[in-house]
Amino acid sequence: MSTRRQVVGRWGEEIAAEYLAANGYTVLARNVHGAHGEIDIVASKDGLLVFVEVKTRSSHTFAYPEDSVTRRKQAYLLNAAEEYLQAHPESGESWQFDVIAVEGRPGGNAQIEHFQNVIE
């Protein structure tokens, strides 16, 4: 049985994947699990590999979705990306991390904010 939080999270990831495709990205993989964490979406555009963390909230009453990408979360993402790159050496050398913040509820309208190259 899925919790409300899981339903909202899956909906947000679907919205983010659709957004990326509509904006010229090719979604290569979703929910990539590794020993060091999970990458929500791996995409590419113009020869650039993009690791995407999707954060979804029904509202920003307590915090904006992007606020939950802490330094600690960034470290997990870097480790997961390194693992992905080692397993997929054909991916190339150019890559970045993006965060897509989705606000809304399943069945309703979504507000999307795309933050590019958030980890340096």
C-alpha atoms as a PDB file:
ATOM      1  CA  MET A   1       0.000   0.000   0.000  1.00  0.00           C
ATOM      2  CA  SER A   2       1.341   3.424  -0.967  1.00  0.00           C
ATOM      3  CA  THR A   3       1.344   6.298   1.443  1.00  0.00           C
ATOM      4  CA  ARG A   4       0.081   9.718   0.411  1.00  0.00           C
ATOM      5  CA  ARG A   5       3.677  10.935   0.434  1.00  0.00           C
ATOM      6  CA  GLN A   6       4.755   8.170  -1.961  1.00  0.00           C
ATOM      7  CA  VAL A   7       1.853   8.925  -4.313  1.00  0.00           C
ATOM      8  CA  VAL A   8       2.760  12.625  -4.372  1.00  0.00           C
ATOM      9  CA  GLY A   9       6.441  11.776  -4.890  1.00  0.00           C
ATOM     10  CA  ARG A  10       5.769   9.446  -7.830  1.00  0.00           C
ATOM     11  CA  TRP A  11       3.436  12.027  -9.357  1.00  0.00           C
ATOM     12  CA  GLY A  12       6.160  14.680  -9.046  1.00  0.00           C
ATOM     13  CA  GLU A  13       8.740  12.450 -10.704  1.00  0.00           C
ATOM     14  CA  GLU A  14       6.343  11.772 -13.590  1.00  0.00           C
ATOM     15  CA  ILE A  15       5.666  15.511 -13.989  1.00  0.00           C
ATOM     16  CA  ALA A  16       9.427  16.205 -13.942  1.00  0.00           C
ATOM     17  CA  ALA A  17      10.137  13.538 -16.590  1.00  0.00           C
ATOM     18  CA  GLU A  18       7.403  14.971 -18.823  1.00  0.00           C
ATOM     19  CA  TYR A  19       8.775  18.480 -18.294  1.00  0.00           C
ATOM     20  CA  LEU A  20      12.293  17.380 -19.264  1.00  0.00           C
ATOM     21  CA  ALA A  21      11.068  15.600 -22.411  1.00  0.00           C
ATOM     22  CA  ALA A  22       9.031  18.658 -23.427  1.00  0.00           C
ATOM     23  CA  ASN A  23      12.155  20.802 -23.034  1.00  0.00           C
ATOM     24  CA  GLY A  24      14.436  18.764 -25.273  1.00  0.00           C
ATOM     25  CA  TYR A  25      15.949  16.328 -22.783  1.00  0.00           C
ATOM     26  CA  THR A  26      16.136  12.605 -23.343  1.00  0.00           C
ATOM     27  CA  VAL A  27      15.273  10.672 -20.199  1.00  0.00           C
ATOM     28  CA  LEU A  28      17.780   7.814 -20.016  1.00  0.00           C
ATOM     29  CA  ALA A  29      16.795   6.242 -16.692  1.00  0.00           C
ATOM     30  CA  ARG A  30      14.578   6.754 -13.677  1.00  0.00           C
ATOM     31  CA  ASN A  31      15.008   5.710 -10.064  1.00  0.00           C
ATOM     32  CA  VAL A  32      18.589   4.501 -10.476  1.00  0.00           C
ATOM     33  CA  HIS A  33      19.502   2.666  -7.277  1.00  0.00           C
ATOM     34  CA  GLY A  34      23.055   2.143  -6.163  1.00  0.00           C
ATOM     35  CA  ALA A  35      24.989   1.396  -3.014  1.00  0.00           C
ATOM     36  CA  HIS A  36      25.288   5.108  -2.275  1.00  0.00           C
ATOM     37  CA  GLY A  37      21.749   6.269  -2.927  1.00  0.00           C
ATOM     38  CA  GLU A  38      19.228   6.874  -5.654  1.00  0.00           C
ATOM     39  CA  ILE A  39      19.141   9.209  -8.615  1.00  0.00           C
ATOM     40  CA  ASP A  40      15.578  10.158  -9.525  1.00  0.00           C
ATOM     41  CA  ILE A  41      16.198  10.861 -13.214  1.00  0.00           C
ATOM     42  CA  VAL A  42      19.207  10.566 -15.498  1.00  0.00           C
ATOM     43  CA  ALA A  43      18.751  12.596 -18.668  1.00  0.00           C
ATOM     44  CA  SER A  44      20.801  14.065 -21.475  1.00  0.00           C
ATOM     45  CA  LYS A  45      20.634  17.150 -23.618  1.00  0.00           C
ATOM     46  CA  ASP A  46      23.118  18.431 -26.182  1.00  0.00           C
ATOM     47  CA  GLY A  47      25.810  15.969 -25.090  1.00  0.00           C
ATOM     48  CA  LEU A  48      25.447  16.840 -21.400  1.00  0.00           C
ATOM     49  CA  LEU A  49      24.512  14.152 -18.875  1.00  0.00           C
ATOM     50  CA  VAL A  50      22.127  15.521 -16.253  1.00  0.00           C
ATOM     51  CA  PHE A  51      21.438  13.921 -12.889  1.00  0.00           C
ATOM     52  CA  VAL A  52      18.089  15.202 -11.650  1.00  0.00           C
ATOM     53  CA  GLU A  53      16.842  15.238  -8.084  1.00  0.00           C
ATOM     54  CA  VAL A  54      13.072  15.747  -7.964  1.00  0.00           C
ATOM     55  CA  LYS A  55      11.501  17.288  -4.887  1.00  0.00           C
ATOM     56  CA  THR A  56       7.725  17.417  -4.641  1.00  0.00           C
ATOM     57  CA  ARG A  57       5.517  19.126  -2.098  1.00  0.00           C
ATOM     58  CA  SER A  58       1.774  19.718  -2.031  1.00  0.00           C
ATOM     59  CA  SER A  59       2.434  23.263  -0.807  1.00  0.00           C
ATOM     60  CA  HIS A  60       5.264  25.422   0.447  1.00  0.00           C
ATOM     61  CA  THR A  61       3.575  26.241   3.759  1.00  0.00           C
ATOM     62  CA  PHE A  62       6.501  24.800   5.724  1.00  0.00           C
ATOM     63  CA  ALA A  63       9.283  24.916   3.123  1.00  0.00           C
ATOM     64  CA  TYR A  64       9.875  25.032  -0.606  1.00  0.00           C
ATOM     65  CA  PRO A  65      10.617  21.658  -2.226  1.00  0.00           C
ATOM     66  CA  GLU A  66      14.157  22.663  -3.207  1.00  0.00           C
ATOM     67  CA  ASP A  67      15.004  23.515   0.414  1.00  0.00           C
ATOM     68  CA  SER A  68      15.260  19.807   1.209  1.00  0.00           C
ATOM     69  CA  VAL A  69      18.364  19.359  -0.979  1.00  0.00           C
ATOM     70  CA  THR A  70      20.792  19.823   1.887  1.00  0.00           C
ATOM     71  CA  ARG A  71      24.594  19.538   1.828  1.00  0.00           C
ATOM     72  CA  ARG A  72      24.207  16.012   3.162  1.00  0.00           C
ATOM     73  CA  LYS A  73      21.768  15.109   0.360  1.00  0.00           C
ATOM     74  CA  GLN A  74      24.180  16.644  -2.158  1.00  0.00           C
ATOM     75  CA  ALA A  75      26.970  14.389  -0.883  1.00  0.00           C
ATOM     76  CA  TYR A  76      24.749  11.319  -1.378  1.00  0.00           C
ATOM     77  CA  LEU A  77      23.898  12.499  -4.883  1.00  0.00           C
ATOM     78  CA  LEU A  78      27.578  12.950  -5.767  1.00  0.00           C
ATOM     79  CA  ASN A  79      28.366   9.436  -4.566  1.00  0.00           C
ATOM     80  CA  ALA A  80      25.449   7.970  -6.520  1.00  0.00           C
ATOM     81  CA  ALA A  81      26.521   9.877  -9.644  1.00  0.00           C
ATOM     82  CA  GLU A  82      30.098   8.632  -9.351  1.00  0.00           C
ATOM     83  CA  GLU A  83      28.778   5.085  -9.106  1.00  0.00           C
ATOM     84  CA  TYR A  84      26.574   5.634 -12.179  1.00  0.00           C
ATOM     85  CA  LEU A  85      29.477   7.113 -14.186  1.00  0.00           C
ATOM     86  CA  GLN A  86      31.726   4.163 -13.321  1.00  0.00           C
ATOM     87  CA  ALA A  87      29.035   1.734 -14.451  1.00  0.00           C
ATOM     88  CA  HIS A  88      28.365   3.742 -17.646  1.00  0.00           C
ATOM     89  CA  PRO A  89      31.733   5.003 -18.948  1.00  0.00           C
ATOM     90  CA  GLU A  90      30.103   5.736 -22.317  1.00  0.00           C
ATOM     91  CA  SER A  91      28.196   8.583 -20.659  1.00  0.00           C
ATOM     92  CA  GLY A  92      30.944  11.074 -21.410  1.00  0.00           C
ATOM     93  CA  GLU A  93      32.747  13.618 -19.316  1.00  0.00           C
ATOM     94  CA  SER A  94      30.278  16.508 -19.196  1.00  0.00           C
ATOM     95  CA  TRP A  95      27.644  16.237 -16.496  1.00  0.00           C
ATOM     96  CA  GLN A  96      25.755  18.307 -13.986  1.00  0.00           C
ATOM     97  CA  PHE A  97      23.166  18.105 -11.208  1.00  0.00           C
ATOM     98  CA  ASP A  98      19.771  19.724 -11.516  1.00  0.00           C
ATOM     99  CA  VAL A  99      16.905  19.959  -9.076  1.00  0.00           C
ATOM    100  CA  ILE A 100      13.331  20.053 -10.270  1.00  0.00           C
ATOM    101  CA  ALA A 101      10.926  21.344  -7.644  1.00  0.00           C
ATOM    102  CA  VAL A 102       7.308  20.366  -8.187  1.00  0.00           C
ATOM    103  CA  GLU A 103       4.522  21.875  -6.159  1.00  0.00           C
ATOM    104  CA  GLY A 104       0.950  20.638  -6.386  1.00  0.00           C
ATOM    105  CA  ARG A 105      -1.185  17.551  -5.998  1.00  0.00           C
ATOM    106  CA  PRO A 106      -1.973  14.578  -8.211  1.00  0.00           C
ATOM    107  CA  GLY A 107      -4.914  15.414 -10.432  1.00  0.00           C
ATOM    108  CA  GLY A 108      -4.227  19.141 -10.129  1.00  0.00           C
ATOM    109  CA  ASN A 109      -1.940  21.658 -11.726  1.00  0.00           C
ATOM    110  CA  ALA A 110       1.763  21.527 -11.022  1.00  0.00           C
ATOM    111  CA  GLN A 111       4.133  24.421 -10.554  1.00  0.00           C
ATOM    112  CA  ILE A 112       7.601  23.465 -11.753  1.00  0.00           C
ATOM    113  CA  GLU A 113      10.882  25.190 -11.052  1.00  0.00           C
ATOM    114  CA  HIS A 114      14.066  23.871 -12.684  1.00  0.00           C
ATOM    115  CA  PHE A 115      17.355  24.674 -10.957  1.00  0.00           C
ATOM    116  CA  GLN A 116      20.312  23.861 -13.177  1.00  0.00           C
ATOM    117  CA  ASN A 117      23.864  22.916 -12.209  1.00  0.00           C
ATOM    118  CA  VAL A 118      23.217  23.115  -8.469  1.00  0.00           C
ATOM    119  CA  ILE A 119      26.284  21.209  -7.240  1.00  0.00           C
ATOM    120  CA  GLU A 120      29.740  22.359  -8.209  1.00  0.00           C
END
